[in-house]
Protein backbone atom coordinates (compact mmCIF):
# COMPACT_ATOMS: atom_id res chain seq x y z
CA MET A 1 86.58 117.98 126.53
CA ASP A 2 89.76 116.42 125.15
CA SER A 3 89.53 113.64 127.73
CA PHE A 4 85.89 112.90 126.85
CA ASP A 5 86.72 112.83 123.12
CA ARG A 6 89.57 110.44 123.81
CA GLN A 7 87.36 108.18 125.93
CA LEU A 8 84.79 107.94 123.12
CA ARG A 9 87.48 107.08 120.59
CA TYR A 10 88.86 104.44 122.95
CA PHE A 11 85.35 103.06 123.40
CA LEU A 12 84.86 102.78 119.63
CA ARG A 13 88.18 100.99 119.19
CA ILE A 14 87.34 98.47 121.93
CA ALA A 15 83.94 97.90 120.29
CA GLU A 16 85.57 97.35 116.90
CA LEU A 17 88.19 94.88 118.15
CA GLY A 18 85.99 93.18 120.77
CA SER A 19 88.87 92.97 123.22
CA LEU A 20 90.37 95.28 125.83
CA SER A 21 93.82 93.74 125.46
CA ARG A 22 93.85 94.03 121.66
CA ALA A 23 92.55 97.60 121.84
CA ALA A 24 95.20 98.52 124.40
CA GLU A 25 97.93 97.13 122.15
CA ASP A 26 96.49 98.87 119.09
CA LEU A 27 96.20 102.22 120.92
CA ASP A 28 99.64 101.87 122.55
CA GLN A 29 98.06 102.00 126.02
CA THR A 30 98.31 99.78 129.05
CA GLN A 31 95.28 97.58 129.60
CA SER A 32 94.78 98.98 133.10
CA GLY A 33 94.94 102.55 131.79
CA LEU A 34 92.42 101.78 129.06
CA SER A 35 90.13 100.12 131.62
CA ARG A 36 90.24 103.28 133.75
CA GLN A 37 89.27 105.43 130.76
CA LEU A 38 86.38 103.09 129.99
CA ALA A 39 85.25 103.06 133.63
CA SER A 40 85.28 106.87 133.67
CA LEU A 41 83.09 107.00 130.55
CA GLU A 42 80.68 104.43 131.99
CA ALA A 43 80.49 106.41 135.26
CA HIS A 44 79.67 109.57 133.29
CA LEU A 45 76.89 107.76 131.38
CA GLY A 46 75.66 105.81 134.38
CA LYS A 47 75.48 102.57 132.38
CA PRO A 48 77.85 99.69 131.59
CA LEU A 49 78.93 99.62 127.95
CA PHE A 50 80.48 96.13 127.73
CA LEU A 51 79.96 92.67 129.12
CA ARG A 52 83.05 90.49 129.60
CA THR A 53 82.99 87.11 127.83
CA GLY A 54 85.42 84.25 127.63
CA ARG A 55 86.68 85.58 124.28
CA GLY A 56 86.77 89.31 125.05
CA VAL A 57 83.97 91.84 125.50
CA GLU A 58 80.53 92.36 124.00
CA LEU A 59 78.51 95.56 123.80
CA THR A 60 75.56 96.02 126.10
CA GLN A 61 72.37 97.58 124.78
CA ALA A 62 73.63 100.98 125.95
CA GLY A 63 77.00 100.28 124.32
CA ARG A 64 75.41 99.43 120.98
CA LYS A 65 73.34 102.61 121.09
CA LEU A 66 76.39 104.75 121.89
CA ARG A 67 78.38 103.11 119.11
CA ASP A 68 75.63 103.60 116.54
CA LEU A 69 75.18 107.26 117.49
CA THR A 70 78.87 108.22 117.55
CA GLN A 71 80.66 106.02 115.01
CA GLY A 72 79.41 107.87 111.93
CA SER A 73 80.14 111.26 113.46
CA TYR A 74 83.76 110.40 114.18
CA ARG A 75 84.24 109.04 110.67
CA THR A 76 82.87 112.33 109.31
CA ILE A 77 85.22 114.33 111.55
CA ASP A 78 88.25 112.25 110.52
CA ALA A 79 87.31 112.57 106.84
CA ALA A 80 87.02 116.36 107.23
CA LEU A 81 90.44 116.57 108.87
CA ASP A 82 91.99 114.46 106.10
CA ALA A 83 90.31 116.64 103.47
CA VAL A 84 91.81 119.78 105.02
CA ARG A 85 95.22 118.13 105.14
CA THR A 86 94.89 117.24 101.45
CA ARG A 87 93.92 120.77 100.41
CA GLU A 88 96.76 122.23 102.45
CA GLY A 89 99.23 119.96 100.68
CA VAL A 90 100.72 118.16 103.68
CA THR A 91 104.28 117.20 102.79
CA HIS A 92 105.65 115.98 106.10
CA GLY A 93 104.91 113.25 108.60
CA THR A 94 105.43 109.51 108.91
CA VAL A 95 104.24 106.79 106.56
CA ARG A 96 104.25 103.29 108.06
CA LEU A 97 104.61 100.61 105.40
CA ALA A 98 104.50 96.87 106.08
CA THR A 99 105.90 94.61 103.38
CA VAL A 100 106.61 90.92 102.89
CA HIS A 101 110.28 90.08 103.44
CA THR A 102 111.06 89.03 99.88
CA LEU A 103 110.17 92.40 98.33
CA SER A 104 113.02 94.11 100.18
CA TYR A 105 115.46 92.27 97.90
CA TYR A 106 114.20 93.45 94.50
CA PHE A 107 111.41 96.02 94.65
CA MET A 108 111.38 98.12 97.77
CA GLY A 109 114.76 99.72 97.15
CA ASP A 110 113.52 101.48 94.00
CA VAL A 111 110.22 102.48 95.64
CA VAL A 112 111.85 103.89 98.75
CA ALA A 113 114.58 105.71 96.82
CA ARG A 114 112.13 107.53 94.55
CA PHE A 115 109.56 108.32 97.24
CA VAL A 116 112.10 109.63 99.75
CA SER A 117 113.87 111.72 97.10
CA GLN A 118 110.56 113.47 96.36
CA HIS A 119 109.57 113.92 100.03
CA ASP A 120 112.52 115.24 102.00
CA SER A 121 110.48 115.85 105.18
CA VAL A 122 108.72 112.48 105.26
CA ASN A 123 109.79 109.64 107.52
CA LEU A 124 109.13 106.30 105.79
CA SER A 125 108.97 103.53 108.39
CA LEU A 126 109.35 100.03 106.92
CA MET A 127 108.26 96.81 108.64
CA GLY A 128 109.28 93.49 107.07
CA ARG A 129 106.85 90.70 107.98
CA SER A 130 105.17 87.55 106.72
CA SER A 131 102.06 88.01 104.56
CA PRO A 132 99.53 87.30 107.37
CA GLU A 133 101.38 89.73 109.63
CA VAL A 134 101.34 92.45 106.96
CA VAL A 135 97.57 92.05 106.64
CA GLU A 136 97.14 92.19 110.42
CA LEU A 137 99.25 95.34 110.73
CA VAL A 138 97.17 97.17 108.12
CA GLU A 139 93.86 95.91 109.55
CA SER A 140 94.81 97.07 113.04
CA GLY A 141 95.97 100.49 111.85
CA LYS A 142 99.58 99.90 112.93
CA ALA A 143 100.63 100.25 109.28
CA ASP A 144 99.21 102.83 106.85
CA ALA A 145 99.68 100.50 103.89
CA GLY A 146 101.05 97.08 103.06
CA PHE A 147 102.66 95.32 100.11
CA VAL A 148 101.63 91.68 100.18
CA TYR A 149 100.67 88.65 98.09
CA ASP A 150 97.01 88.86 97.12
CA SER A 151 96.21 85.33 98.31
CA ALA A 152 96.78 86.53 101.88
CA VAL A 153 94.13 89.26 101.59
CA ALA A 154 90.78 87.79 102.63
CA SER A 155 89.45 90.75 104.62
CA GLN A 156 86.50 92.87 103.54
CA ALA A 157 88.05 95.71 105.55
CA LEU A 158 90.92 96.08 103.06
CA ALA A 159 91.16 97.57 99.57
CA SER A 160 93.93 96.37 97.27
CA THR A 161 95.76 97.81 94.26
CA PRO A 162 97.58 95.37 91.93
CA LEU A 163 101.33 95.95 91.54
CA PHE A 164 102.85 93.04 89.59
CA ASP A 165 102.85 89.26 89.18
CA ASP A 166 105.68 87.31 90.82
CA ASP A 167 106.85 84.07 89.17
CA MET A 168 108.78 81.58 91.27
CA CYS A 169 112.00 79.71 90.52
CA LEU A 170 113.98 76.92 92.14
CA VAL A 171 117.26 78.01 93.76
CA VAL A 172 120.05 75.42 93.77
CA GLN A 173 123.82 75.27 94.19
CA GLU A 174 125.86 76.35 91.16
CA ALA A 175 127.27 72.83 90.84
CA SER A 176 123.86 71.13 91.03
CA ALA A 177 123.12 68.50 88.37
CA ILE A 178 119.68 70.04 87.80
CA GLY A 179 119.44 71.80 84.43
CA ASP A 180 118.17 75.28 83.56
CA SER A 181 114.51 74.24 83.92
CA ILE A 182 112.60 71.66 85.91
CA ASP A 183 109.17 70.03 86.11
CA LEU A 184 108.55 69.79 89.84
CA SER A 185 105.52 67.56 89.31
CA SER A 186 107.88 64.78 88.19
CA GLU A 187 111.18 65.74 89.83
CA LEU A 188 110.93 67.24 93.31
CA PRO A 189 114.13 67.79 95.29
CA ARG A 190 114.27 68.20 99.04
CA LEU A 191 113.47 71.77 100.03
CA VAL A 192 114.21 74.35 102.67
CA GLY A 193 111.45 76.93 103.03
CA PHE A 194 109.60 79.55 105.00
CA PRO A 195 107.43 78.44 107.96
CA SER A 196 104.03 76.97 107.13
CA HIS A 197 102.04 80.19 107.70
CA TYR A 198 103.98 82.08 104.99
CA VAL A 199 102.14 82.53 101.67
CA LEU A 200 105.04 81.21 99.58
CA ARG A 201 105.03 78.00 101.62
CA ARG A 202 101.25 77.62 101.31
CA MET A 203 101.51 78.26 97.56
CA ILE A 204 103.75 75.21 97.16
CA HIS A 205 101.24 72.93 98.89
CA SER A 206 98.21 74.43 97.12
CA SER A 207 99.84 73.68 93.74
CA GLY A 208 99.54 69.97 94.45
CA LEU A 209 103.17 69.39 95.38
CA GLU A 210 104.06 67.40 98.49
CA PRO A 211 107.77 68.13 99.00
CA SER A 212 109.94 67.02 101.87
CA PHE A 213 111.02 70.10 103.85
CA VAL A 214 114.29 69.49 105.66
CA ALA A 215 114.62 72.94 107.26
CA GLU A 216 112.75 76.23 107.75
CA ALA A 217 113.86 79.86 108.04
CA GLU A 218 112.08 83.22 108.19
CA THR A 219 114.42 85.30 106.01
CA VAL A 220 115.68 85.02 102.45
CA ASP A 221 119.32 85.27 103.58
CA ALA A 222 118.89 82.34 105.95
CA LEU A 223 117.24 80.26 103.22
CA LEU A 224 120.10 80.96 100.82
CA GLU A 225 122.67 80.00 103.44
CA LEU A 226 120.86 76.69 103.96
CA VAL A 227 120.79 75.98 100.21
CA ALA A 228 124.47 76.87 99.96
CA SER A 229 125.19 74.34 102.70
CA GLY A 230 123.87 71.62 100.41
CA ILE A 231 120.93 70.31 102.45
CA GLY A 232 118.28 71.19 99.86
CA ALA A 233 116.92 73.65 97.30
CA CYS A 234 114.40 76.43 97.88
CA ILE A 235 111.62 78.19 95.95
CA LEU A 236 111.83 81.99 95.73
CA PRO A 237 110.65 84.76 93.38
CA GLN A 238 112.41 84.88 90.01
CA ARG A 239 113.13 88.58 90.63
CA ILE A 240 115.62 87.85 93.42
CA PRO A 241 118.83 89.55 92.14
CA ASP A 242 121.41 87.43 90.31
CA LYS A 243 124.16 89.11 92.32
CA LEU A 244 122.67 87.73 95.51
CA MET A 245 122.70 84.28 93.92
CA GLY A 246 126.33 84.69 92.95
CA ASP A 247 127.34 85.83 96.43
CA HIS A 248 126.09 82.48 97.77
CA ARG A 249 127.31 80.45 94.76
CA LEU A 250 123.76 79.61 93.80
CA ARG A 251 121.73 79.80 90.59
CA LYS A 252 118.08 79.94 89.52
CA VAL A 253 116.23 77.15 87.74
CA SER A 254 113.04 77.96 85.82
CA ILE A 255 109.99 75.99 86.96
CA VAL A 256 108.06 74.58 83.99
CA GLN A 257 105.31 72.84 85.99
CA PRO A 258 103.36 73.60 88.03
CA VAL A 259 102.98 77.32 87.40
CA LEU A 260 103.91 79.05 90.65
CA ARG A 261 102.83 82.67 90.42
CA ARG A 262 101.47 85.17 92.90
CA ARG A 263 100.25 88.74 92.46
CA VAL A 264 101.73 91.44 94.68
CA VAL A 265 99.23 94.10 95.77
CA ALA A 266 99.21 97.26 97.87
CA ILE A 267 96.60 97.20 100.63
CA VAL A 268 94.97 99.90 102.77
CA ARG A 269 91.97 99.99 105.05
CA CYS A 270 88.78 100.88 103.19
CA ASP A 271 86.86 102.25 106.19
CA ARG A 272 88.87 105.47 106.40
CA PRO A 273 90.26 108.04 103.94
CA VAL A 274 93.72 107.22 102.58
CA PRO A 275 96.20 109.95 103.61
CA PRO A 276 97.72 111.88 100.67
CA LEU A 277 101.24 110.67 101.40
CA VAL A 278 100.09 107.05 101.39
CA GLU A 279 98.32 107.60 98.06
CA GLU A 280 101.56 109.04 96.64
CA LEU A 281 103.58 106.10 97.95
CA ILE A 282 101.23 103.59 96.32
CA ALA A 283 101.24 105.60 93.08
CA THR A 284 105.04 105.48 93.12
CA ALA A 285 104.97 101.69 93.62
CA VAL A 286 102.47 101.24 90.78
CA ASP A 287 104.63 103.33 88.45
CA ILE A 288 107.80 101.39 89.27
CA ALA A 289 106.00 98.04 89.02
CA GLY A 290 104.74 99.02 85.58
């Protein structure tokens, strides 16, 4: 019975993702092992459930019927299990949180410290990623929640909770001739920045600026090292700690124009109940952000 239940759940995940390889990765299974489970289910039913295409797999008529008849039942079962866990006051387990890299420098420390201090038996697993990767992790179920810039959230499968607005600043060397504020629409220095798929990089281009990027890096520390070397400035959230600036002999310059601001939100999947511990984590983040 356990094997049959598992095969049906595997089938539903393959149907949702439309790909054996993506489903295998999501379920932490080998593709060959997942194929064997699917073949066993198809042998039991006596009908093929998927047709292979150049882009993945598509449901057959029998597959669509099986999905339609079982999907709602499994969602009801999962909701019932989560309801029981909530009533029993589950206080242990693992919460997987994906967050954009920059937040680890000025927000996540307070959130983690408070949440962990109130949940001694909870393992909080943090994954630092780019905004698109955070969204993908939450969509795929590999993260229970994500903290991300709202402009990266374009999926109907996700629900978001606002946390705070993040204003940007220009980071330059301490000895730079640039003053305490700058209008980037009329004075645009050479920049170092995140790769093009990062939200902060896309924000710069969407604001109408066309800067010359002389170098790219995927972490804040690497960006600061590049600015300290003198090859260019960078644009980062105003909340980046002053101590970090001082350690690299850098300073912040307020950006007058254009307004560079992004909202940070917490995201979860909206097609399944949010576990109580995840709700508490988000509530903690909202409280600290406020």
